[in-house]
Amino acid sequence: MTPRRTFAAGAGIACLVSMSLACGEETERDATSFCAEIDGAKQQLTNPRLRTQEDVEAYVDLYRSIGEIAPLAIESEWSDLTSNYETAATVDPEDPESIEQAKAKAFSTEESATIVAKWLRSNCGVRLGPVSTIVPHDNRTAPSPTSTTTTP
């Protein structure tokens, strides 16, 4: 094969590979696509029908699927929320340790929940409902230390 044909063959293969990758990508990870997905699933996200284990698994799968297109700005936080629901889906109400694990996971993902809620409100104009937290997460800075003075 001549160098010209080798180059042309290589370029053709590279073109096919890049086209197949582009065609294989279902939805882009941008705010517009993500917001459209959230808007379309708003009812399922805010008022899930969780009567059976299958309902719970479908709800967790919804979070996983939406997470596949989450913008990088909240990808980690969305993943945290998904992990929280995955943990909650495995709770055995008869097992105190299982319940405690779910509580610990919920507590550890509170900040992610507030970040996602704020991002959705700001970028999508969507409110998925109030986010209840144990610890306030609105102020990311540490409180300033109090100073004490002594007078002689």
N, C-alpha and C. Protein backbone atom coordinates (compact mmCIF):
# COMPACT_ATOMS: atom_id res chain seq x y z
N MET A 1 0.85 -1.17 0.00
CA MET A 1 0.00 0.00 0.00
C MET A 1 0.89 1.23 0.00
N THR A 2 0.57 2.20 -0.81
CA THR A 2 1.37 3.41 -0.89
C THR A 2 1.08 4.29 0.31
N PRO A 3 2.03 5.19 0.65
CA PRO A 3 1.80 6.08 1.78
C PRO A 3 0.51 6.89 1.65
N ARG A 4 0.19 7.29 0.41
CA ARG A 4 -1.01 8.09 0.19
C ARG A 4 -2.27 7.26 0.53
N ARG A 5 -2.29 6.00 0.09
CA ARG A 5 -3.43 5.12 0.37
C ARG A 5 -3.51 4.79 1.86
N THR A 6 -2.36 4.59 2.50
CA THR A 6 -2.34 4.31 3.94
C THR A 6 -2.93 5.48 4.70
N PHE A 7 -2.53 6.71 4.31
CA PHE A 7 -3.06 7.90 4.97
C PHE A 7 -4.56 8.01 4.75
N ALA A 8 -5.00 7.78 3.50
CA ALA A 8 -6.42 7.89 3.18
C ALA A 8 -7.23 6.84 3.96
N ALA A 9 -6.69 5.63 4.04
CA ALA A 9 -7.38 4.58 4.78
C ALA A 9 -7.47 4.94 6.26
N GLY A 10 -6.36 5.44 6.81
CA GLY A 10 -6.34 5.84 8.22
C GLY A 10 -7.30 6.98 8.49
N ALA A 11 -7.33 7.95 7.58
CA ALA A 11 -8.23 9.09 7.75
C ALA A 11 -9.69 8.62 7.66
N GLY A 12 -9.97 7.69 6.75
CA GLY A 12 -11.32 7.16 6.60
C GLY A 12 -11.76 6.43 7.86
N ILE A 13 -10.88 5.62 8.43
CA ILE A 13 -11.20 4.90 9.66
C ILE A 13 -11.43 5.88 10.80
N ALA A 14 -10.56 6.89 10.91
CA ALA A 14 -10.72 7.89 11.97
C ALA A 14 -12.05 8.62 11.83
N CYS A 15 -12.43 8.91 10.59
CA CYS A 15 -13.71 9.59 10.35
C CYS A 15 -14.88 8.71 10.76
N LEU A 16 -14.82 7.43 10.40
CA LEU A 16 -15.89 6.51 10.77
C LEU A 16 -16.00 6.35 12.28
N VAL A 17 -14.86 6.25 12.94
CA VAL A 17 -14.86 6.12 14.39
C VAL A 17 -15.48 7.35 15.03
N SER A 18 -15.06 8.53 14.60
CA SER A 18 -15.61 9.75 15.21
C SER A 18 -17.10 9.90 14.92
N MET A 19 -17.53 9.50 13.72
CA MET A 19 -18.97 9.57 13.41
C MET A 19 -19.75 8.58 14.26
N SER A 20 -19.22 7.38 14.46
CA SER A 20 -19.95 6.40 15.25
C SER A 20 -20.02 6.83 16.70
N LEU A 21 -18.97 7.48 17.20
CA LEU A 21 -19.02 7.99 18.57
C LEU A 21 -20.06 9.09 18.69
N ALA A 22 -20.09 9.97 17.73
CA ALA A 22 -21.07 11.05 17.76
C ALA A 22 -22.48 10.52 17.63
N CYS A 23 -22.68 9.53 16.78
CA CYS A 23 -24.02 8.98 16.60
C CYS A 23 -24.45 8.18 17.82
N GLY A 24 -23.50 7.58 18.52
CA GLY A 24 -23.83 6.78 19.68
C GLY A 24 -24.21 7.61 20.89
N GLU A 25 -23.89 8.88 20.89
CA GLU A 25 -24.19 9.76 22.01
C GLU A 25 -25.64 10.19 21.91
N GLU A 26 -26.46 9.77 22.87
CA GLU A 26 -27.88 10.02 22.81
C GLU A 26 -28.23 11.47 23.13
N THR A 27 -27.73 11.98 24.22
CA THR A 27 -28.04 13.33 24.64
C THR A 27 -26.78 13.98 25.18
N GLU A 28 -26.62 15.24 24.91
CA GLU A 28 -25.43 15.94 25.38
C GLU A 28 -25.57 16.29 26.85
N ARG A 29 -24.43 16.43 27.51
CA ARG A 29 -24.39 16.78 28.92
C ARG A 29 -24.36 18.30 29.06
N ASP A 30 -25.42 18.93 28.68
CA ASP A 30 -25.49 20.38 28.82
C ASP A 30 -26.75 20.75 29.59
N ALA A 31 -26.80 21.99 30.00
CA ALA A 31 -27.92 22.45 30.82
C ALA A 31 -29.26 22.34 30.09
N THR A 32 -29.27 22.64 28.80
CA THR A 32 -30.53 22.61 28.05
C THR A 32 -31.11 21.20 28.02
N SER A 33 -30.29 20.21 27.69
CA SER A 33 -30.77 18.82 27.64
C SER A 33 -31.18 18.34 29.02
N PHE A 34 -30.35 18.66 29.99
CA PHE A 34 -30.63 18.23 31.36
C PHE A 34 -31.93 18.85 31.87
N CYS A 35 -32.10 20.14 31.66
CA CYS A 35 -33.31 20.82 32.12
C CYS A 35 -34.55 20.26 31.44
N ALA A 36 -34.44 19.93 30.16
CA ALA A 36 -35.56 19.34 29.44
C ALA A 36 -35.91 17.98 30.04
N GLU A 37 -34.90 17.21 30.38
CA GLU A 37 -35.13 15.89 30.98
C GLU A 37 -35.79 16.05 32.36
N ILE A 38 -35.30 16.98 33.15
CA ILE A 38 -35.87 17.24 34.47
C ILE A 38 -37.32 17.69 34.34
N ASP A 39 -37.58 18.59 33.41
CA ASP A 39 -38.93 19.09 33.21
C ASP A 39 -39.87 17.95 32.80
N GLY A 40 -39.41 17.07 31.94
CA GLY A 40 -40.22 15.95 31.51
C GLY A 40 -40.50 14.93 32.61
N ALA A 41 -39.58 14.85 33.57
CA ALA A 41 -39.72 13.87 34.66
C ALA A 41 -40.15 14.51 35.97
N LYS A 42 -40.53 15.78 35.93
CA LYS A 42 -40.83 16.52 37.15
C LYS A 42 -41.89 15.82 38.01
N GLN A 43 -42.95 15.35 37.40
CA GLN A 43 -44.02 14.69 38.16
C GLN A 43 -43.49 13.43 38.83
N GLN A 44 -42.71 12.63 38.11
CA GLN A 44 -42.16 11.40 38.68
C GLN A 44 -41.16 11.71 39.80
N LEU A 45 -40.41 12.79 39.65
CA LEU A 45 -39.42 13.14 40.66
C LEU A 45 -40.05 13.70 41.93
N THR A 46 -41.11 14.48 41.77
CA THR A 46 -41.71 15.14 42.94
C THR A 46 -42.81 14.33 43.61
N ASN A 47 -43.51 13.51 42.85
CA ASN A 47 -44.60 12.71 43.40
C ASN A 47 -44.47 11.26 42.96
N PRO A 48 -43.39 10.61 43.38
CA PRO A 48 -43.21 9.23 42.93
C PRO A 48 -44.24 8.29 43.56
N ARG A 49 -44.62 7.30 42.81
CA ARG A 49 -45.52 6.25 43.31
C ARG A 49 -44.63 5.13 43.81
N LEU A 50 -44.39 5.06 45.10
CA LEU A 50 -43.46 4.11 45.68
C LEU A 50 -44.20 3.12 46.57
N ARG A 51 -44.97 2.24 45.94
CA ARG A 51 -45.75 1.27 46.71
C ARG A 51 -45.11 -0.11 46.74
N THR A 52 -44.31 -0.41 45.74
CA THR A 52 -43.68 -1.72 45.67
C THR A 52 -42.17 -1.55 45.50
N GLN A 53 -41.45 -2.64 45.68
CA GLN A 53 -40.01 -2.60 45.47
C GLN A 53 -39.69 -2.23 44.01
N GLU A 54 -40.52 -2.69 43.09
CA GLU A 54 -40.33 -2.35 41.67
C GLU A 54 -40.48 -0.85 41.45
N ASP A 55 -41.43 -0.22 42.15
CA ASP A 55 -41.60 1.23 42.06
C ASP A 55 -40.34 1.95 42.55
N VAL A 56 -39.80 1.47 43.64
CA VAL A 56 -38.59 2.06 44.22
C VAL A 56 -37.42 1.91 43.25
N GLU A 57 -37.28 0.72 42.68
CA GLU A 57 -36.19 0.48 41.73
C GLU A 57 -36.34 1.36 40.49
N ALA A 58 -37.56 1.56 40.03
CA ALA A 58 -37.80 2.44 38.87
C ALA A 58 -37.43 3.88 39.20
N TYR A 59 -37.71 4.31 40.43
CA TYR A 59 -37.36 5.66 40.87
C TYR A 59 -35.85 5.85 40.90
N VAL A 60 -35.14 4.88 41.44
CA VAL A 60 -33.68 4.93 41.49
C VAL A 60 -33.12 4.91 40.06
N ASP A 61 -33.70 4.08 39.20
CA ASP A 61 -33.26 4.03 37.80
C ASP A 61 -33.47 5.37 37.09
N LEU A 62 -34.55 6.07 37.44
CA LEU A 62 -34.80 7.39 36.86
C LEU A 62 -33.66 8.34 37.25
N TYR A 63 -33.26 8.33 38.51
CA TYR A 63 -32.14 9.17 38.95
C TYR A 63 -30.86 8.79 38.22
N ARG A 64 -30.62 7.48 38.06
CA ARG A 64 -29.42 7.03 37.34
C ARG A 64 -29.45 7.53 35.90
N SER A 65 -30.58 7.38 35.24
CA SER A 65 -30.67 7.76 33.84
C SER A 65 -30.50 9.27 33.66
N ILE A 66 -31.11 10.05 34.52
CA ILE A 66 -30.93 11.50 34.44
C ILE A 66 -29.48 11.86 34.74
N GLY A 67 -28.86 11.14 35.65
CA GLY A 67 -27.46 11.39 35.99
C GLY A 67 -26.52 11.19 34.83
N GLU A 68 -26.89 10.37 33.87
CA GLU A 68 -26.04 10.14 32.70
C GLU A 68 -25.89 11.38 31.84
N ILE A 69 -26.81 12.33 31.98
CA ILE A 69 -26.71 13.57 31.19
C ILE A 69 -26.53 14.80 32.08
N ALA A 70 -26.28 14.58 33.37
CA ALA A 70 -26.11 15.72 34.28
C ALA A 70 -24.91 16.57 33.83
N PRO A 71 -25.08 17.88 33.80
CA PRO A 71 -23.96 18.76 33.46
C PRO A 71 -22.83 18.59 34.49
N LEU A 72 -21.63 18.84 34.06
CA LEU A 72 -20.47 18.69 34.94
C LEU A 72 -20.60 19.54 36.21
N ALA A 73 -21.30 20.66 36.12
CA ALA A 73 -21.44 21.55 37.27
C ALA A 73 -22.10 20.88 38.46
N ILE A 74 -22.98 19.89 38.20
CA ILE A 74 -23.66 19.20 39.30
C ILE A 74 -23.60 17.68 39.17
N GLU A 75 -22.74 17.21 38.31
CA GLU A 75 -22.65 15.76 38.10
C GLU A 75 -22.36 15.02 39.40
N SER A 76 -21.40 15.49 40.15
CA SER A 76 -21.02 14.84 41.41
C SER A 76 -22.15 14.87 42.42
N GLU A 77 -22.81 16.00 42.53
CA GLU A 77 -23.91 16.14 43.48
C GLU A 77 -25.10 15.27 43.08
N TRP A 78 -25.38 15.20 41.77
CA TRP A 78 -26.48 14.33 41.32
C TRP A 78 -26.14 12.87 41.62
N SER A 79 -24.88 12.53 41.44
CA SER A 79 -24.43 11.18 41.76
C SER A 79 -24.61 10.88 43.25
N ASP A 80 -24.33 11.88 44.09
CA ASP A 80 -24.55 11.72 45.53
C ASP A 80 -26.02 11.44 45.84
N LEU A 81 -26.91 12.18 45.20
CA LEU A 81 -28.34 11.98 45.43
C LEU A 81 -28.77 10.59 44.97
N THR A 82 -28.25 10.17 43.83
CA THR A 82 -28.58 8.83 43.32
C THR A 82 -28.10 7.78 44.31
N SER A 83 -26.90 7.95 44.82
CA SER A 83 -26.35 7.02 45.80
C SER A 83 -27.20 7.00 47.07
N ASN A 84 -27.71 8.14 47.46
CA ASN A 84 -28.59 8.22 48.62
C ASN A 84 -29.85 7.38 48.39
N TYR A 85 -30.47 7.53 47.22
CA TYR A 85 -31.67 6.76 46.92
C TYR A 85 -31.37 5.28 46.77
N GLU A 86 -30.20 4.95 46.23
CA GLU A 86 -29.81 3.54 46.13
C GLU A 86 -29.70 2.92 47.53
N THR A 87 -29.11 3.67 48.46
CA THR A 87 -29.00 3.19 49.83
C THR A 87 -30.37 3.05 50.48
N ALA A 88 -31.20 4.06 50.30
CA ALA A 88 -32.55 4.03 50.88
C ALA A 88 -33.36 2.85 50.33
N ALA A 89 -33.12 2.50 49.08
CA ALA A 89 -33.87 1.41 48.46
C ALA A 89 -33.53 0.04 49.06
N THR A 90 -32.42 -0.02 49.78
CA THR A 90 -32.00 -1.31 50.35
C THR A 90 -32.31 -1.42 51.84
N VAL A 91 -32.99 -0.45 52.41
CA VAL A 91 -33.26 -0.46 53.84
C VAL A 91 -34.17 -1.62 54.21
N ASP A 92 -33.76 -2.30 55.26
CA ASP A 92 -34.59 -3.34 55.86
C ASP A 92 -35.18 -2.72 57.13
N PRO A 93 -36.48 -2.45 57.16
CA PRO A 93 -37.08 -1.79 58.32
C PRO A 93 -36.94 -2.56 59.63
N GLU A 94 -36.62 -3.83 59.53
CA GLU A 94 -36.42 -4.65 60.73
C GLU A 94 -34.97 -4.64 61.22
N ASP A 95 -34.08 -4.01 60.46
CA ASP A 95 -32.66 -4.02 60.79
C ASP A 95 -32.21 -2.61 61.18
N PRO A 96 -31.98 -2.36 62.48
CA PRO A 96 -31.57 -1.02 62.93
C PRO A 96 -30.29 -0.53 62.25
N GLU A 97 -29.36 -1.43 61.97
CA GLU A 97 -28.11 -1.01 61.32
C GLU A 97 -28.38 -0.51 59.89
N SER A 98 -29.29 -1.18 59.20
CA SER A 98 -29.67 -0.77 57.85
C SER A 98 -30.30 0.62 57.87
N ILE A 99 -31.14 0.85 58.85
CA ILE A 99 -31.79 2.16 59.00
C ILE A 99 -30.75 3.23 59.29
N GLU A 100 -29.81 2.93 60.17
CA GLU A 100 -28.75 3.90 60.51
C GLU A 100 -27.87 4.22 59.31
N GLN A 101 -27.57 3.21 58.48
CA GLN A 101 -26.78 3.45 57.27
C GLN A 101 -27.51 4.41 56.33
N ALA A 102 -28.80 4.22 56.19
CA ALA A 102 -29.59 5.10 55.32
C ALA A 102 -29.64 6.52 55.88
N LYS A 103 -29.77 6.64 57.20
CA LYS A 103 -29.77 7.97 57.83
C LYS A 103 -28.43 8.66 57.62
N ALA A 104 -27.35 7.91 57.81
CA ALA A 104 -26.01 8.49 57.63
C ALA A 104 -25.80 8.93 56.19
N LYS A 105 -26.26 8.14 55.25
CA LYS A 105 -26.12 8.49 53.83
C LYS A 105 -26.94 9.74 53.52
N ALA A 106 -28.15 9.80 54.03
CA ALA A 106 -29.00 10.98 53.81
C ALA A 106 -28.34 12.22 54.38
N PHE A 107 -27.80 12.11 55.57
CA PHE A 107 -27.13 13.24 56.20
C PHE A 107 -25.92 13.68 55.38
N SER A 108 -25.14 12.71 54.89
CA SER A 108 -23.92 13.05 54.16
C SER A 108 -24.20 13.64 52.78
N THR A 109 -25.41 13.50 52.29
CA THR A 109 -25.74 14.04 50.96
C THR A 109 -26.62 15.30 51.03
N GLU A 110 -26.83 15.81 52.23
CA GLU A 110 -27.65 17.01 52.37
C GLU A 110 -27.13 18.18 51.55
N GLU A 111 -25.84 18.43 51.64
CA GLU A 111 -25.29 19.57 50.91
C GLU A 111 -25.47 19.39 49.41
N SER A 112 -25.28 18.18 48.92
CA SER A 112 -25.49 17.92 47.49
C SER A 112 -26.93 18.21 47.10
N ALA A 113 -27.87 17.84 47.95
CA ALA A 113 -29.28 18.10 47.66
C ALA A 113 -29.56 19.59 47.55
N THR A 114 -28.99 20.38 48.43
CA THR A 114 -29.22 21.83 48.37
C THR A 114 -28.55 22.44 47.14
N ILE A 115 -27.37 21.94 46.79
CA ILE A 115 -26.68 22.45 45.60
C ILE A 115 -27.49 22.14 44.34
N VAL A 116 -27.99 20.91 44.23
CA VAL A 116 -28.79 20.53 43.06
C VAL A 116 -30.07 21.36 43.02
N ALA A 117 -30.73 21.52 44.15
CA ALA A 117 -31.98 22.30 44.18
C ALA A 117 -31.74 23.73 43.72
N LYS A 118 -30.66 24.35 44.21
CA LYS A 118 -30.35 25.73 43.80
C LYS A 118 -30.01 25.80 42.32
N TRP A 119 -29.23 24.81 41.84
CA TRP A 119 -28.84 24.80 40.43
C TRP A 119 -30.06 24.65 39.54
N LEU A 120 -30.96 23.75 39.90
CA LEU A 120 -32.18 23.55 39.11
C LEU A 120 -33.04 24.81 39.09
N ARG A 121 -33.14 25.45 40.23
CA ARG A 121 -33.94 26.67 40.32
C ARG A 121 -33.32 27.77 39.46
N SER A 122 -32.00 27.92 39.53
CA SER A 122 -31.31 28.99 38.79
C SER A 122 -31.21 28.73 37.30
N ASN A 123 -30.94 27.50 36.90
CA ASN A 123 -30.65 27.20 35.51
C ASN A 123 -31.82 26.61 34.73
N CYS A 124 -32.75 26.00 35.42
CA CYS A 124 -33.88 25.36 34.74
C CYS A 124 -35.21 26.00 35.10
N GLY A 125 -35.22 26.84 36.12
CA GLY A 125 -36.47 27.41 36.59
C GLY A 125 -37.40 26.37 37.17
N VAL A 126 -36.81 25.30 37.71
CA VAL A 126 -37.59 24.18 38.24
C VAL A 126 -37.37 24.07 39.74
N ARG A 127 -38.46 23.92 40.44
CA ARG A 127 -38.40 23.65 41.88
C ARG A 127 -38.95 22.25 42.10
N LEU A 128 -38.09 21.39 42.62
CA LEU A 128 -38.53 20.02 42.86
C LEU A 128 -39.09 19.86 44.27
N GLY A 129 -39.25 20.94 44.96
CA GLY A 129 -39.81 20.88 46.30
C GLY A 129 -38.79 21.34 47.31
N PRO A 130 -39.23 21.49 48.54
CA PRO A 130 -38.30 21.95 49.56
C PRO A 130 -37.28 20.86 49.88
N VAL A 131 -36.08 21.28 50.20
CA VAL A 131 -35.02 20.36 50.62
C VAL A 131 -34.89 20.51 52.12
N SER A 132 -35.22 19.46 52.83
CA SER A 132 -35.11 19.47 54.28
C SER A 132 -33.72 18.99 54.68
N THR A 133 -33.08 19.74 55.54
CA THR A 133 -31.76 19.36 56.02
C THR A 133 -31.70 19.47 57.53
N ILE A 134 -30.77 18.74 58.10
CA ILE A 134 -30.54 18.83 59.54
C ILE A 134 -29.64 20.01 59.84
N VAL A 135 -28.63 20.18 59.00
CA VAL A 135 -27.66 21.26 59.16
C VAL A 135 -27.87 22.26 58.03
N PRO A 136 -27.93 23.57 58.30
CA PRO A 136 -28.09 24.54 57.21
C PRO A 136 -26.86 24.50 56.29
N HIS A 137 -27.11 24.52 54.99
CA HIS A 137 -26.02 24.48 54.01
C HIS A 137 -26.01 25.71 53.13
N ASP A 138 -26.68 26.77 53.53
CA ASP A 138 -26.73 27.98 52.73
C ASP A 138 -25.42 28.75 52.77
N ASN A 139 -24.74 28.72 53.87
CA ASN A 139 -23.52 29.50 54.04
C ASN A 139 -22.33 28.55 54.01
N ARG A 140 -21.54 28.62 52.95
CA ARG A 140 -20.41 27.72 52.80
C ARG A 140 -19.16 28.19 53.56
N THR A 141 -19.18 29.38 54.07
CA THR A 141 -18.01 29.87 54.79
C THR A 141 -18.16 29.57 56.27
N ALA A 142 -17.05 29.36 56.89
CA ALA A 142 -17.07 29.09 58.33
C ALA A 142 -17.46 30.35 59.07
N PRO A 143 -18.17 30.20 60.15
CA PRO A 143 -18.53 31.39 60.92
C PRO A 143 -17.26 32.06 61.45
N SER A 144 -17.33 33.36 61.55
CA SER A 144 -16.16 34.07 62.06
C SER A 144 -16.04 33.83 63.56
N PRO A 145 -14.82 33.70 64.01
CA PRO A 145 -14.65 33.44 65.44
C PRO A 145 -15.07 34.64 66.27
N THR A 146 -15.58 34.35 67.43
CA THR A 146 -15.95 35.46 68.31
C THR A 146 -14.70 35.89 69.05
N SER A 147 -14.61 37.15 69.27
CA SER A 147 -13.42 37.63 69.98
C SER A 147 -13.84 38.03 71.38
N THR A 148 -12.99 37.74 72.28
CA THR A 148 -13.24 38.14 73.66
C THR A 148 -12.17 39.12 74.05
N THR A 149 -12.59 40.11 74.74
CA THR A 149 -11.62 41.09 75.23
C THR A 149 -11.70 41.16 76.74
N THR A 150 -10.62 41.35 77.29
CA THR A 150 -10.59 41.52 78.73
C THR A 150 -10.13 42.94 79.04
N THR A 151 -10.73 43.50 80.00
CA THR A 151 -10.32 44.84 80.39
C THR A 151 -9.55 44.75 81.69
N PRO A 152 -8.50 45.50 81.79
CA PRO A 152 -7.68 45.43 83.02
C PRO A 152 -8.36 46.01 84.21
